[in-house]
Every structure is written in C-alpha cells, then in structure tokens.
C-alpha cells in the first residue's frame, strides 16, 4: 500500500500549502473573501487530491488526481501573483513561496508522468 507521506516532496508540499493558506488569511479583509478564500480552498484541494490519488489502485485514477493537484498548485501561484499585481503584497515577500510552488508543481507533474508510463 502506498502512502502519501512517503512521497519525496510531501513535507515541502505541506509547508508550502500551509504557507499559502496563511497568505490567504493575511490579505486585507476585502480581499480575504474573494482572492484569499480561493487560495485557501485550492490549498486544501491540492492536499486532498494527492491523498486521494495515492489511495487509488489504478495508475490512471491516481494520475487524474495528480493532474488536479498540479492544476491547483498553478492556481495558487496565479492567485499570489495576482495579489502582487494588485499591489496587495510585495513581490519580495512571496518570491520564495512562488519558487517553492513552482518546484512542487514540477515534482507533482513528474510523479504523474511516471504513473502514465506504468
């Protein structure tokens, strides 16, 4: 039986999702109800997709869930970049988070590709 906790990127993923969720909570009140809520919702969804994917026996089913997790990481990245574009946050405050999210999206994509090859 596979475990999501054994994924090489799991610990970094959890830290990045927690940080993204907290970023959504830290936005000004006006932005918490739209942009912040979306970032938080997607952060939870990414974690859920990974856990669900690992629990699916078929490679195709697992790959489908990892596709959703990859897309979610890209959505979070886009939301944080939008906050920068709106002037809600400074680029230097989120640069390392954006780099981490991009790296993790690559790891999820690579894992998903190995599933397609099996």
C-alpha atoms as a PDB file:
ATOM      1  CA  UNK A   1       0.000   0.000   0.000  1.00  0.00           C
ATOM      2  CA  UNK A   2       1.361   3.405  -0.997  1.00  0.00           C
ATOM      3  CA  UNK A   3       1.423   6.275   1.455  1.00  0.00           C
ATOM      4  CA  UNK A   4       1.305   9.952   0.542  1.00  0.00           C
ATOM      5  CA  UNK A   5       3.681  10.602   3.430  1.00  0.00           C
ATOM      6  CA  UNK A   6       6.365   8.639   1.567  1.00  0.00           C
ATOM      7  CA  UNK A   7       6.330  10.999  -1.408  1.00  0.00           C
ATOM      8  CA  UNK A   8       9.709  12.723  -1.606  1.00  0.00           C
ATOM      9  CA  UNK A   9       8.044  16.124  -1.871  1.00  0.00           C
ATOM     10  CA  UNK A  10       5.314  15.617   0.764  1.00  0.00           C
ATOM     11  CA  UNK A  11       6.888  17.577   3.638  1.00  0.00           C
ATOM     12  CA  UNK A  12       7.750  20.529   1.406  1.00  0.00           C
ATOM     13  CA  UNK A  13       4.283  20.396  -0.123  1.00  0.00           C
ATOM     14  CA  UNK A  14       2.576  20.560   3.264  1.00  0.00           C
ATOM     15  CA  UNK A  15       4.726  23.514   4.337  1.00  0.00           C
ATOM     16  CA  UNK A  16       4.000  25.378   1.096  1.00  0.00           C
ATOM     17  CA  UNK A  17       0.266  24.705   1.329  1.00  0.00           C
ATOM     18  CA  UNK A  18       0.150  25.864   4.939  1.00  0.00           C
ATOM     19  CA  UNK A  19       2.069  28.989   3.984  1.00  0.00           C
ATOM     20  CA  UNK A  20      -0.266  29.599   1.036  1.00  0.00           C
ATOM     21  CA  UNK A  21      -3.316  29.138   3.269  1.00  0.00           C
ATOM     22  CA  UNK A  22      -1.914  31.579   5.801  1.00  0.00           C
ATOM     23  CA  UNK A  23      -1.149  34.022   2.984  1.00  0.00           C
ATOM     24  CA  UNK A  24      -4.824  33.884   2.014  1.00  0.00           C
ATOM     25  CA  UNK A  25      -5.789  34.606   5.633  1.00  0.00           C
ATOM     26  CA  UNK A  26      -3.362  37.533   5.829  1.00  0.00           C
ATOM     27  CA  UNK A  27      -4.898  39.502   2.978  1.00  0.00           C
ATOM     28  CA  UNK A  28      -6.859  42.668   3.759  1.00  0.00           C
ATOM     29  CA  UNK A  29     -10.475  41.979   4.715  1.00  0.00           C
ATOM     30  CA  UNK A  30     -11.848  42.991   1.299  1.00  0.00           C
ATOM     31  CA  UNK A  31      -9.540  40.533  -0.429  1.00  0.00           C
ATOM     32  CA  UNK A  32      -9.954  37.682   2.062  1.00  0.00           C
ATOM     33  CA  UNK A  33     -13.484  36.998   0.826  1.00  0.00           C
ATOM     34  CA  UNK A  34     -12.532  36.535  -2.810  1.00  0.00           C
ATOM     35  CA  UNK A  35      -8.860  36.036  -3.534  1.00  0.00           C
ATOM     36  CA  UNK A  36      -7.961  34.773  -0.058  1.00  0.00           C
ATOM     37  CA  UNK A  37     -10.841  32.301   0.048  1.00  0.00           C
ATOM     38  CA  UNK A  38      -9.867  30.948  -3.361  1.00  0.00           C
ATOM     39  CA  UNK A  39      -6.224  30.461  -2.387  1.00  0.00           C
ATOM     40  CA  UNK A  40      -7.224  28.725   0.851  1.00  0.00           C
ATOM     41  CA  UNK A  41      -9.787  26.493  -0.870  1.00  0.00           C
ATOM     42  CA  UNK A  42      -7.318  25.393  -3.534  1.00  0.00           C
ATOM     43  CA  UNK A  43      -4.573  24.726  -0.950  1.00  0.00           C
ATOM     44  CA  UNK A  44      -6.904  22.296   0.805  1.00  0.00           C
ATOM     45  CA  UNK A  45      -7.915  20.761  -2.537  1.00  0.00           C
ATOM     46  CA  UNK A  46      -4.290  20.133  -3.577  1.00  0.00           C
ATOM     47  CA  UNK A  47      -3.612  18.186  -0.388  1.00  0.00           C
ATOM     48  CA  UNK A  48      -6.852  16.246  -0.785  1.00  0.00           C
ATOM     49  CA  UNK A  49      -6.096  15.383  -4.415  1.00  0.00           C
ATOM     50  CA  UNK A  50      -2.663  13.993  -3.504  1.00  0.00           C
ATOM     51  CA  UNK A  51      -4.041  11.895  -0.650  1.00  0.00           C
ATOM     52  CA  UNK A  52      -6.900  10.632  -2.830  1.00  0.00           C
ATOM     53  CA  UNK A  53      -4.579   9.881  -5.726  1.00  0.00           C
ATOM     54  CA  UNK A  54      -2.225   7.773  -3.668  1.00  0.00           C
ATOM     55  CA  UNK A  55      -5.145   5.736  -2.340  1.00  0.00           C
ATOM     56  CA  UNK A  56      -6.388   4.819  -5.826  1.00  0.00           C
ATOM     57  CA  UNK A  57      -5.140   1.476  -7.091  1.00  0.00           C
ATOM     58  CA  UNK A  58      -5.244   2.236 -10.809  1.00  0.00           C
ATOM     59  CA  UNK A  59      -2.443   4.297 -12.301  1.00  0.00           C
ATOM     60  CA  UNK A  60      -4.939   6.191 -14.471  1.00  0.00           C
ATOM     61  CA  UNK A  61      -7.096   7.135 -11.487  1.00  0.00           C
ATOM     62  CA  UNK A  62      -4.081   8.217  -9.475  1.00  0.00           C
ATOM     63  CA  UNK A  63      -2.768  10.242 -12.429  1.00  0.00           C
ATOM     64  CA  UNK A  64      -6.132  12.004 -12.714  1.00  0.00           C
ATOM     65  CA  UNK A  65      -5.952  13.156  -9.089  1.00  0.00           C
ATOM     66  CA  UNK A  66      -2.348  14.291  -9.533  1.00  0.00           C
ATOM     67  CA  UNK A  67      -3.443  16.298 -12.589  1.00  0.00           C
ATOM     68  CA  UNK A  68      -5.871  18.110 -10.297  1.00  0.00           C
ATOM     69  CA  UNK A  69      -3.149  18.717  -7.708  1.00  0.00           C
ATOM     70  CA  UNK A  70      -0.818  20.113 -10.386  1.00  0.00           C
ATOM     71  CA  UNK A  71      -3.542  22.439 -11.660  1.00  0.00           C
ATOM     72  CA  UNK A  72      -4.263  23.534  -8.095  1.00  0.00           C
ATOM     73  CA  UNK A  73      -0.637  24.451  -7.460  1.00  0.00           C
ATOM     74  CA  UNK A  74      -0.725  26.558 -10.624  1.00  0.00           C
ATOM     75  CA  UNK A  75      -3.957  28.225  -9.424  1.00  0.00           C
ATOM     76  CA  UNK A  76      -2.405  29.111  -6.070  1.00  0.00           C
ATOM     77  CA  UNK A  77       0.619  30.537  -7.853  1.00  0.00           C
ATOM     78  CA  UNK A  78      -1.624  32.607 -10.095  1.00  0.00           C
ATOM     79  CA  UNK A  79      -3.610  33.909  -7.116  1.00  0.00           C
ATOM     80  CA  UNK A  80      -0.472  35.004  -5.268  1.00  0.00           C
ATOM     81  CA  UNK A  81       0.916  36.613  -8.426  1.00  0.00           C
ATOM     82  CA  UNK A  82      -2.382  38.453  -8.842  1.00  0.00           C
ATOM     83  CA  UNK A  83      -2.077  39.764  -5.283  1.00  0.00           C
ATOM     84  CA  UNK A  84       1.333  41.166  -6.258  1.00  0.00           C
ATOM     85  CA  UNK A  85      -0.106  42.705  -9.437  1.00  0.00           C
ATOM     86  CA  UNK A  86      -2.891  44.325  -7.403  1.00  0.00           C
ATOM     87  CA  UNK A  87      -0.330  45.780  -5.019  1.00  0.00           C
ATOM     88  CA  UNK A  88      -1.715  43.838  -2.062  1.00  0.00           C
ATOM     89  CA  UNK A  89       1.673  42.313  -1.322  1.00  0.00           C
ATOM     90  CA  UNK A  90       5.248  42.975  -2.324  1.00  0.00           C
ATOM     91  CA  UNK A  91       6.989  40.599  -4.733  1.00  0.00           C
ATOM     92  CA  UNK A  92       9.958  40.095  -2.421  1.00  0.00           C
ATOM     93  CA  UNK A  93       7.659  38.834   0.344  1.00  0.00           C
ATOM     94  CA  UNK A  94       6.328  35.971  -1.766  1.00  0.00           C
ATOM     95  CA  UNK A  95       9.202  35.244  -4.164  1.00  0.00           C
ATOM     96  CA  UNK A  96      10.440  32.186  -2.263  1.00  0.00           C
ATOM     97  CA  UNK A  97       6.894  30.826  -1.876  1.00  0.00           C
ATOM     98  CA  UNK A  98       6.288  31.211  -5.600  1.00  0.00           C
ATOM     99  CA  UNK A  99       9.564  29.436  -6.376  1.00  0.00           C
ATOM    100  CA  UNK A 100       8.649  26.618  -3.986  1.00  0.00           C
ATOM    101  CA  UNK A 101       5.180  26.244  -5.512  1.00  0.00           C
ATOM    102  CA  UNK A 102       6.705  26.088  -8.990  1.00  0.00           C
ATOM    103  CA  UNK A 103       9.220  23.451  -7.909  1.00  0.00           C
ATOM    104  CA  UNK A 104       6.493  21.391  -6.251  1.00  0.00           C
ATOM    105  CA  UNK A 105       4.267  21.647  -9.323  1.00  0.00           C
ATOM    106  CA  UNK A 106       7.183  20.177 -11.274  1.00  0.00           C
ATOM    107  CA  UNK A 107       7.543  17.340  -8.761  1.00  0.00           C
ATOM    108  CA  UNK A 108       3.823  16.557  -8.918  1.00  0.00           C
ATOM    109  CA  UNK A 109       3.915  16.663 -12.721  1.00  0.00           C
ATOM    110  CA  UNK A 110       6.932  14.319 -12.789  1.00  0.00           C
ATOM    111  CA  UNK A 111       5.257  11.865 -10.431  1.00  0.00           C
ATOM    112  CA  UNK A 112       2.145  11.962 -12.567  1.00  0.00           C
ATOM    113  CA  UNK A 113       4.219  11.259 -15.682  1.00  0.00           C
ATOM    114  CA  UNK A 114       5.741   8.168 -14.060  1.00  0.00           C
ATOM    115  CA  UNK A 115       2.203   6.937 -13.405  1.00  0.00           C
ATOM    116  CA  UNK A 116       1.321   7.340 -17.074  1.00  0.00           C
ATOM    117  CA  UNK A 117       4.359   5.281 -18.028  1.00  0.00           C
ATOM    118  CA  UNK A 118       3.425   2.393 -15.738  1.00  0.00           C
END
